[in-house]
Amino acid sequence: MLGYVLAATLILTAPPALAAGVIDGPAIVEPDATLIVAGKRIVLDGIYVPEGGRHCDTAVNPPRCGSRAALALESKIQGFVACEPKAASRDGRALALCRVGRTPFVEGEDLGLYLIRLGLALATPAAPFAYHAEERIARDRGRGVWGTSVERR
């Protein structure tokens, strides 16, 4: 009997996002910082990733190339990603809030917020307040796209 009570408690206290509608699984990070999870193309909702040229991570073999945001995402995602679709983009990709490290008891880390914190993405006008606050902090600290540009000669 105790087992049934425990199972019912776990089901009833699990965050609703872990229920139907969540797209989860291992993620493939595309060079433009979009994701492919469970065969679906996903754009992180609430952020804009500016084009910043192509960078290559030569610490891995074969070298991985893409935007700085894509390389940061690939480094951050070490396992499963859980994405909550919010809408669809004009080109049919899902706009979603995606998290890593999510369990029934831990919310996990928001990947869009992670990129904004590094200064590798900007908050869209309709993004949550936390995104705009983190963007301001990244800008004030000169992180990522907010850093001082240096001309090469």
N, C-alpha and C. Protein backbone atom coordinates (compact mmCIF):
# COMPACT_ATOMS: atom_id res chain seq x y z
N MET A 1 0.82 -1.19 0.00
CA MET A 1 0.00 0.00 0.00
C MET A 1 0.86 1.26 0.00
N LEU A 2 1.93 1.23 0.79
CA LEU A 2 2.82 2.37 0.86
C LEU A 2 3.43 2.68 -0.51
N GLY A 3 3.71 1.63 -1.28
CA GLY A 3 4.26 1.81 -2.62
C GLY A 3 3.31 2.57 -3.54
N TYR A 4 2.01 2.26 -3.45
CA TYR A 4 1.01 2.96 -4.26
C TYR A 4 0.90 4.42 -3.86
N VAL A 5 0.95 4.69 -2.57
CA VAL A 5 0.88 6.06 -2.08
C VAL A 5 2.09 6.85 -2.56
N LEU A 6 3.26 6.24 -2.46
CA LEU A 6 4.48 6.91 -2.91
C LEU A 6 4.43 7.17 -4.41
N ALA A 7 4.00 6.21 -5.20
CA ALA A 7 3.90 6.39 -6.65
C ALA A 7 2.90 7.49 -6.99
N ALA A 8 1.76 7.51 -6.33
CA ALA A 8 0.75 8.54 -6.58
C ALA A 8 1.28 9.91 -6.20
N THR A 9 2.01 10.00 -5.10
CA THR A 9 2.59 11.27 -4.66
C THR A 9 3.59 11.78 -5.68
N LEU A 10 4.44 10.91 -6.21
CA LEU A 10 5.42 11.31 -7.21
C LEU A 10 4.74 11.81 -8.48
N ILE A 11 3.70 11.14 -8.91
CA ILE A 11 2.99 11.55 -10.12
C ILE A 11 2.30 12.89 -9.91
N LEU A 12 1.66 13.07 -8.77
CA LEU A 12 0.90 14.30 -8.51
C LEU A 12 1.79 15.50 -8.23
N THR A 13 3.02 15.27 -7.73
CA THR A 13 3.90 16.40 -7.42
C THR A 13 4.89 16.69 -8.53
N ALA A 14 4.92 15.89 -9.59
CA ALA A 14 5.83 16.15 -10.72
C ALA A 14 5.39 17.42 -11.42
N PRO A 15 6.36 18.25 -11.89
CA PRO A 15 6.00 19.46 -12.60
C PRO A 15 5.14 19.13 -13.81
N PRO A 16 4.13 19.96 -14.14
CA PRO A 16 3.25 19.66 -15.26
C PRO A 16 3.99 19.58 -16.58
N ALA A 17 5.13 20.26 -16.70
CA ALA A 17 5.86 20.25 -17.97
C ALA A 17 6.43 18.88 -18.30
N LEU A 18 6.55 18.01 -17.30
CA LEU A 18 7.06 16.68 -17.60
C LEU A 18 5.96 15.77 -18.12
N ALA A 19 4.77 16.30 -18.22
CA ALA A 19 3.65 15.53 -18.75
C ALA A 19 3.64 15.65 -20.27
N ALA A 20 2.49 15.40 -20.87
CA ALA A 20 2.35 15.42 -22.33
C ALA A 20 2.74 16.77 -22.91
N GLY A 21 3.25 16.74 -24.13
CA GLY A 21 3.60 17.97 -24.82
C GLY A 21 5.07 18.31 -24.75
N VAL A 22 5.80 17.72 -23.84
CA VAL A 22 7.22 18.00 -23.72
C VAL A 22 7.98 17.19 -24.76
N ILE A 23 8.92 17.85 -25.41
CA ILE A 23 9.80 17.17 -26.37
C ILE A 23 11.11 16.96 -25.63
N ASP A 24 11.49 15.71 -25.44
CA ASP A 24 12.74 15.47 -24.72
C ASP A 24 13.56 14.38 -25.37
N GLY A 25 14.83 14.40 -25.04
CA GLY A 25 15.76 13.42 -25.58
C GLY A 25 17.12 14.06 -25.79
N PRO A 26 18.04 13.31 -26.36
CA PRO A 26 19.34 13.88 -26.68
C PRO A 26 19.17 14.95 -27.76
N ALA A 27 19.98 16.00 -27.68
CA ALA A 27 19.85 17.11 -28.63
C ALA A 27 21.04 17.18 -29.57
N ILE A 28 20.76 17.54 -30.80
CA ILE A 28 21.80 17.87 -31.78
C ILE A 28 21.76 19.39 -31.91
N VAL A 29 22.91 20.03 -31.72
CA VAL A 29 22.99 21.48 -31.83
C VAL A 29 23.42 21.83 -33.24
N GLU A 30 22.61 22.62 -33.92
CA GLU A 30 22.92 23.07 -35.28
C GLU A 30 23.87 24.27 -35.22
N PRO A 31 24.61 24.56 -36.30
CA PRO A 31 25.55 25.68 -36.30
C PRO A 31 24.92 27.04 -35.98
N ASP A 32 23.60 27.19 -36.20
CA ASP A 32 22.94 28.46 -35.90
C ASP A 32 22.32 28.48 -34.50
N ALA A 33 22.66 27.53 -33.66
CA ALA A 33 22.20 27.41 -32.27
C ALA A 33 20.75 26.95 -32.14
N THR A 34 20.18 26.37 -33.20
CA THR A 34 18.89 25.72 -33.06
C THR A 34 19.16 24.27 -32.66
N LEU A 35 18.14 23.58 -32.20
CA LEU A 35 18.29 22.22 -31.71
C LEU A 35 17.44 21.25 -32.53
N ILE A 36 17.87 20.03 -32.57
CA ILE A 36 17.04 18.93 -33.06
C ILE A 36 16.91 17.96 -31.90
N VAL A 37 15.66 17.82 -31.42
CA VAL A 37 15.37 16.93 -30.29
C VAL A 37 14.23 16.03 -30.72
N ALA A 38 14.43 14.74 -30.59
CA ALA A 38 13.41 13.75 -30.96
C ALA A 38 12.92 13.98 -32.40
N GLY A 39 13.84 14.34 -33.28
CA GLY A 39 13.51 14.55 -34.68
C GLY A 39 12.81 15.86 -35.00
N LYS A 40 12.62 16.72 -34.01
CA LYS A 40 11.94 18.00 -34.23
C LYS A 40 12.94 19.15 -34.16
N ARG A 41 12.80 20.10 -35.10
CA ARG A 41 13.65 21.29 -35.10
C ARG A 41 13.09 22.29 -34.10
N ILE A 42 13.96 22.79 -33.23
CA ILE A 42 13.53 23.67 -32.15
C ILE A 42 14.38 24.93 -32.10
N VAL A 43 13.69 26.06 -31.96
CA VAL A 43 14.33 27.36 -31.75
C VAL A 43 14.06 27.74 -30.30
N LEU A 44 15.07 28.19 -29.58
CA LEU A 44 14.87 28.60 -28.19
C LEU A 44 14.00 29.84 -28.16
N ASP A 45 12.88 29.76 -27.47
CA ASP A 45 11.91 30.86 -27.40
C ASP A 45 12.43 31.99 -26.53
N GLY A 46 12.20 33.22 -26.95
CA GLY A 46 12.53 34.39 -26.15
C GLY A 46 13.92 34.94 -26.38
N ILE A 47 14.67 34.32 -27.31
CA ILE A 47 16.02 34.83 -27.57
C ILE A 47 16.25 35.04 -29.06
N TYR A 48 17.21 35.90 -29.35
CA TYR A 48 17.69 36.10 -30.71
C TYR A 48 19.20 35.89 -30.66
N VAL A 49 19.71 35.02 -31.50
CA VAL A 49 21.14 34.75 -31.56
C VAL A 49 21.70 35.52 -32.75
N PRO A 50 22.44 36.61 -32.48
CA PRO A 50 22.99 37.38 -33.60
C PRO A 50 24.06 36.59 -34.34
N GLU A 51 24.15 36.85 -35.62
CA GLU A 51 25.20 36.19 -36.41
C GLU A 51 26.52 36.82 -36.03
N GLY A 52 27.45 36.00 -35.66
CA GLY A 52 28.74 36.52 -35.22
C GLY A 52 29.90 35.83 -35.90
N GLY A 53 29.63 35.26 -37.03
CA GLY A 53 30.70 34.55 -37.71
C GLY A 53 30.82 33.12 -37.24
N ARG A 54 31.70 32.42 -37.86
CA ARG A 54 31.89 31.00 -37.60
C ARG A 54 33.13 30.83 -36.74
N HIS A 55 32.98 30.05 -35.68
CA HIS A 55 34.09 29.74 -34.78
C HIS A 55 34.26 28.24 -34.75
N CYS A 56 35.48 27.80 -34.51
CA CYS A 56 35.75 26.36 -34.46
C CYS A 56 36.39 26.00 -33.14
N ASP A 57 35.90 24.93 -32.54
CA ASP A 57 36.46 24.38 -31.32
C ASP A 57 37.43 23.28 -31.74
N THR A 58 38.72 23.59 -31.65
CA THR A 58 39.74 22.63 -32.09
C THR A 58 40.18 21.72 -30.95
N ALA A 59 39.57 21.88 -29.76
CA ALA A 59 39.91 21.01 -28.64
C ALA A 59 39.29 19.63 -28.80
N VAL A 60 38.35 19.51 -29.74
CA VAL A 60 37.72 18.22 -30.00
C VAL A 60 38.14 17.75 -31.39
N ASN A 61 38.08 16.44 -31.58
CA ASN A 61 38.46 15.89 -32.87
C ASN A 61 37.32 15.03 -33.39
N PRO A 62 36.73 15.31 -34.51
CA PRO A 62 37.05 16.40 -35.43
C PRO A 62 36.58 17.74 -34.86
N PRO A 63 37.21 18.84 -35.28
CA PRO A 63 36.82 20.15 -34.78
C PRO A 63 35.35 20.43 -35.06
N ARG A 64 34.68 21.08 -34.11
CA ARG A 64 33.26 21.45 -34.24
C ARG A 64 33.19 22.93 -34.53
N CYS A 65 32.46 23.30 -35.58
CA CYS A 65 32.36 24.70 -35.97
C CYS A 65 30.90 25.16 -35.93
N GLY A 66 30.71 26.43 -35.67
CA GLY A 66 29.39 27.03 -35.63
C GLY A 66 29.47 28.39 -34.97
N SER A 67 28.33 28.97 -34.65
CA SER A 67 28.32 30.24 -33.95
C SER A 67 28.84 30.01 -32.53
N ARG A 68 29.26 31.08 -31.87
CA ARG A 68 29.72 30.95 -30.49
C ARG A 68 28.59 30.41 -29.61
N ALA A 69 27.36 30.82 -29.90
CA ALA A 69 26.22 30.34 -29.13
C ALA A 69 26.04 28.83 -29.31
N ALA A 70 26.21 28.35 -30.54
CA ALA A 70 26.07 26.92 -30.81
C ALA A 70 27.14 26.12 -30.07
N LEU A 71 28.36 26.62 -30.08
CA LEU A 71 29.44 25.92 -29.39
C LEU A 71 29.20 25.91 -27.87
N ALA A 72 28.67 27.01 -27.33
CA ALA A 72 28.36 27.07 -25.90
C ALA A 72 27.25 26.09 -25.55
N LEU A 73 26.23 26.01 -26.40
CA LEU A 73 25.13 25.06 -26.16
C LEU A 73 25.64 23.63 -26.21
N GLU A 74 26.45 23.34 -27.19
CA GLU A 74 26.96 21.97 -27.32
C GLU A 74 27.78 21.58 -26.10
N SER A 75 28.54 22.52 -25.57
CA SER A 75 29.33 22.26 -24.37
C SER A 75 28.43 22.07 -23.15
N LYS A 76 27.35 22.83 -23.07
CA LYS A 76 26.43 22.78 -21.92
C LYS A 76 25.56 21.53 -21.92
N ILE A 77 25.13 21.11 -23.09
CA ILE A 77 24.20 19.98 -23.18
C ILE A 77 25.01 18.69 -23.13
N GLN A 78 24.97 18.06 -22.00
CA GLN A 78 25.67 16.78 -21.82
C GLN A 78 24.64 15.76 -21.37
N GLY A 79 23.73 15.42 -22.23
CA GLY A 79 22.67 14.49 -21.87
C GLY A 79 21.36 14.92 -22.50
N PHE A 80 20.30 14.71 -21.78
CA PHE A 80 18.97 14.97 -22.32
C PHE A 80 18.56 16.42 -22.15
N VAL A 81 17.73 16.85 -23.07
CA VAL A 81 17.13 18.18 -23.05
C VAL A 81 15.62 17.98 -22.99
N ALA A 82 14.95 18.81 -22.20
CA ALA A 82 13.48 18.79 -22.14
C ALA A 82 12.99 20.15 -22.63
N CYS A 83 12.17 20.14 -23.69
CA CYS A 83 11.69 21.38 -24.30
C CYS A 83 10.17 21.46 -24.20
N GLU A 84 9.69 22.61 -23.75
CA GLU A 84 8.25 22.88 -23.65
C GLU A 84 7.86 23.78 -24.82
N PRO A 85 7.21 23.24 -25.84
CA PRO A 85 6.82 24.07 -26.98
C PRO A 85 5.87 25.19 -26.55
N LYS A 86 6.14 26.39 -27.08
CA LYS A 86 5.30 27.55 -26.79
C LYS A 86 4.49 27.96 -28.02
N ALA A 87 5.09 27.81 -29.20
CA ALA A 87 4.44 28.21 -30.45
C ALA A 87 5.24 27.60 -31.59
N ALA A 88 4.84 27.93 -32.82
CA ALA A 88 5.57 27.48 -34.00
C ALA A 88 6.07 28.71 -34.74
N SER A 89 7.27 28.61 -35.30
CA SER A 89 7.80 29.72 -36.09
C SER A 89 7.19 29.68 -37.48
N ARG A 90 7.43 30.71 -38.26
CA ARG A 90 6.88 30.78 -39.61
C ARG A 90 7.37 29.64 -40.50
N ASP A 91 8.58 29.17 -40.23
CA ASP A 91 9.13 28.09 -41.05
C ASP A 91 8.83 26.70 -40.49
N GLY A 92 7.93 26.63 -39.50
CA GLY A 92 7.49 25.33 -38.99
C GLY A 92 8.29 24.76 -37.84
N ARG A 93 9.35 25.44 -37.42
CA ARG A 93 10.10 24.94 -36.27
C ARG A 93 9.36 25.29 -34.98
N ALA A 94 9.55 24.50 -33.96
CA ALA A 94 8.91 24.76 -32.67
C ALA A 94 9.70 25.82 -31.91
N LEU A 95 8.99 26.80 -31.35
CA LEU A 95 9.59 27.76 -30.42
C LEU A 95 9.36 27.17 -29.04
N ALA A 96 10.43 26.94 -28.30
CA ALA A 96 10.28 26.23 -27.04
C ALA A 96 11.25 26.73 -25.97
N LEU A 97 10.85 26.53 -24.73
CA LEU A 97 11.73 26.76 -23.59
C LEU A 97 12.39 25.40 -23.33
N CYS A 98 13.70 25.37 -23.41
CA CYS A 98 14.42 24.10 -23.24
C CYS A 98 15.32 24.16 -22.01
N ARG A 99 15.39 23.05 -21.32
CA ARG A 99 16.18 22.96 -20.09
C ARG A 99 17.05 21.70 -20.11
N VAL A 100 18.18 21.80 -19.42
CA VAL A 100 19.04 20.63 -19.19
C VAL A 100 19.04 20.35 -17.69
N GLY A 101 19.28 19.12 -17.34
CA GLY A 101 19.34 18.74 -15.94
C GLY A 101 17.99 18.71 -15.26
N ARG A 102 16.94 18.52 -16.03
CA ARG A 102 15.58 18.53 -15.48
C ARG A 102 15.21 17.13 -14.97
N THR A 103 14.61 17.11 -13.80
CA THR A 103 14.08 15.88 -13.22
C THR A 103 12.72 16.21 -12.63
N PRO A 104 11.99 15.21 -12.13
CA PRO A 104 10.71 15.53 -11.49
C PRO A 104 10.86 16.45 -10.27
N PHE A 105 12.07 16.54 -9.72
CA PHE A 105 12.27 17.34 -8.52
C PHE A 105 13.14 18.58 -8.74
N VAL A 106 13.77 18.69 -9.90
CA VAL A 106 14.65 19.81 -10.21
C VAL A 106 14.19 20.43 -11.51
N GLU A 107 14.02 21.75 -11.51
CA GLU A 107 13.52 22.44 -12.70
C GLU A 107 14.51 22.38 -13.87
N GLY A 108 15.79 22.36 -13.58
CA GLY A 108 16.79 22.34 -14.64
C GLY A 108 17.18 23.75 -15.05
N GLU A 109 18.20 23.85 -15.89
CA GLU A 109 18.71 25.15 -16.33
C GLU A 109 18.14 25.52 -17.69
N ASP A 110 17.61 26.71 -17.79
CA ASP A 110 17.02 27.27 -19.00
C ASP A 110 18.15 27.62 -19.98
N LEU A 111 18.15 26.98 -21.15
CA LEU A 111 19.22 27.20 -22.12
C LEU A 111 19.20 28.60 -22.74
N GLY A 112 18.02 29.18 -22.94
CA GLY A 112 17.93 30.54 -23.46
C GLY A 112 18.55 31.53 -22.48
N LEU A 113 18.21 31.38 -21.22
CA LEU A 113 18.76 32.26 -20.18
C LEU A 113 20.27 32.07 -20.07
N TYR A 114 20.73 30.85 -20.23
CA TYR A 114 22.16 30.55 -20.20
C TYR A 114 22.90 31.33 -21.28
N LEU A 115 22.37 31.33 -22.51
CA LEU A 115 23.03 32.06 -23.60
C LEU A 115 23.00 33.57 -23.38
N ILE A 116 21.90 34.08 -22.85
CA ILE A 116 21.81 35.51 -22.56
C ILE A 116 22.82 35.88 -21.49
N ARG A 117 22.95 35.07 -20.46
CA ARG A 117 23.89 35.32 -19.37
C ARG A 117 25.32 35.41 -19.89
N LEU A 118 25.66 34.61 -20.90
CA LEU A 118 27.00 34.64 -21.49
C LEU A 118 27.17 35.80 -22.48
N GLY A 119 26.08 36.48 -22.80
CA GLY A 119 26.15 37.56 -23.79
C GLY A 119 26.16 37.04 -25.21
N LEU A 120 25.70 35.81 -25.43
CA LEU A 120 25.71 35.21 -26.76
C LEU A 120 24.35 35.26 -27.43
N ALA A 121 23.34 35.76 -26.72
CA ALA A 121 21.99 35.91 -27.27
C ALA A 121 21.36 37.15 -26.66
N LEU A 122 20.36 37.66 -27.34
CA LEU A 122 19.63 38.83 -26.88
C LEU A 122 18.21 38.41 -26.55
N ALA A 123 17.59 39.10 -25.59
CA ALA A 123 16.20 38.83 -25.23
C ALA A 123 15.29 39.49 -26.27
N THR A 124 14.28 38.75 -26.72
CA THR A 124 13.30 39.33 -27.64
C THR A 124 12.34 40.20 -26.82
N PRO A 125 11.61 41.11 -27.49
CA PRO A 125 10.70 41.98 -26.74
C PRO A 125 9.69 41.24 -25.86
N ALA A 126 9.20 40.10 -26.29
CA ALA A 126 8.20 39.35 -25.53
C ALA A 126 8.80 38.35 -24.54
N ALA A 127 10.12 38.36 -24.39
CA ALA A 127 10.79 37.41 -23.50
C ALA A 127 10.44 37.70 -22.04
N PRO A 128 10.58 36.70 -21.18
CA PRO A 128 10.33 36.91 -19.75
C PRO A 128 11.25 37.99 -19.16
N PHE A 129 10.81 38.59 -18.06
CA PHE A 129 11.57 39.64 -17.40
C PHE A 129 12.99 39.18 -17.07
N ALA A 130 13.14 37.94 -16.60
CA ALA A 130 14.46 37.42 -16.22
C ALA A 130 15.43 37.49 -17.39
N TYR A 131 14.95 37.27 -18.61
CA TYR A 131 15.82 37.34 -19.78
C TYR A 131 16.33 38.77 -19.97
N HIS A 132 15.45 39.74 -19.84
CA HIS A 132 15.85 41.14 -20.01
C HIS A 132 16.81 41.58 -18.90
N ALA A 133 16.56 41.12 -17.67
CA ALA A 133 17.45 41.46 -16.56
C ALA A 133 18.84 40.88 -16.78
N GLU A 134 18.92 39.62 -17.21
CA GLU A 134 20.22 39.00 -17.46
C GLU A 134 20.93 39.65 -18.65
N GLU A 135 20.16 40.08 -19.65
CA GLU A 135 20.77 40.77 -20.79
C GLU A 135 21.43 42.07 -20.33
N ARG A 136 20.74 42.78 -19.45
CA ARG A 136 21.28 44.04 -18.93
C ARG A 136 22.57 43.80 -18.16
N ILE A 137 22.60 42.74 -17.35
CA ILE A 137 23.80 42.40 -16.59
C ILE A 137 24.94 42.04 -17.54
N ALA A 138 24.65 41.23 -18.57
CA ALA A 138 25.69 40.85 -19.54
C ALA A 138 26.22 42.08 -20.26
N ARG A 139 25.33 43.00 -20.62
CA ARG A 139 25.74 44.23 -21.29
C ARG A 139 26.63 45.07 -20.38
N ASP A 140 26.21 45.24 -19.12
CA ASP A 140 26.99 46.04 -18.17
C ASP A 140 28.36 45.44 -17.89
N ARG A 141 28.45 44.12 -17.98
CA ARG A 141 29.74 43.45 -17.71
C ARG A 141 30.56 43.21 -18.97
N GLY A 142 30.02 43.61 -20.13
CA GLY A 142 30.76 43.48 -21.38
C GLY A 142 30.95 42.05 -21.84
N ARG A 143 29.97 41.21 -21.60
CA ARG A 143 30.08 39.80 -21.99
C ARG A 143 29.63 39.58 -23.43
N GLY A 144 30.25 38.62 -24.09
CA GLY A 144 29.82 38.19 -25.42
C GLY A 144 29.71 39.32 -26.41
N VAL A 145 28.53 39.46 -27.02
CA VAL A 145 28.33 40.49 -28.06
C VAL A 145 28.45 41.89 -27.50
N TRP A 146 28.38 42.04 -26.18
CA TRP A 146 28.49 43.35 -25.55
C TRP A 146 29.93 43.74 -25.25
N GLY A 147 30.87 42.83 -25.55
CA GLY A 147 32.28 43.11 -25.27
C GLY A 147 32.87 44.08 -26.26
N THR A 148 34.04 44.57 -25.94
CA THR A 148 34.74 45.50 -26.79
C THR A 148 35.27 44.76 -28.01
N SER A 149 34.97 45.28 -29.18
CA SER A 149 35.50 44.64 -30.38
C SER A 149 36.91 45.11 -30.63
N VAL A 150 37.73 44.22 -31.13
CA VAL A 150 39.13 44.53 -31.42
C VAL A 150 39.34 44.30 -32.90
N GLU A 151 39.89 45.28 -33.58
CA GLU A 151 40.15 45.14 -35.02
C GLU A 151 41.44 44.37 -35.23
N ARG A 152 41.41 43.47 -36.21
CA ARG A 152 42.64 42.73 -36.58
C ARG A 152 43.30 43.44 -37.73
N ARG A 153 44.59 43.47 -37.70
CA ARG A 153 45.35 44.11 -38.79
C ARG A 153 46.20 43.12 -39.49
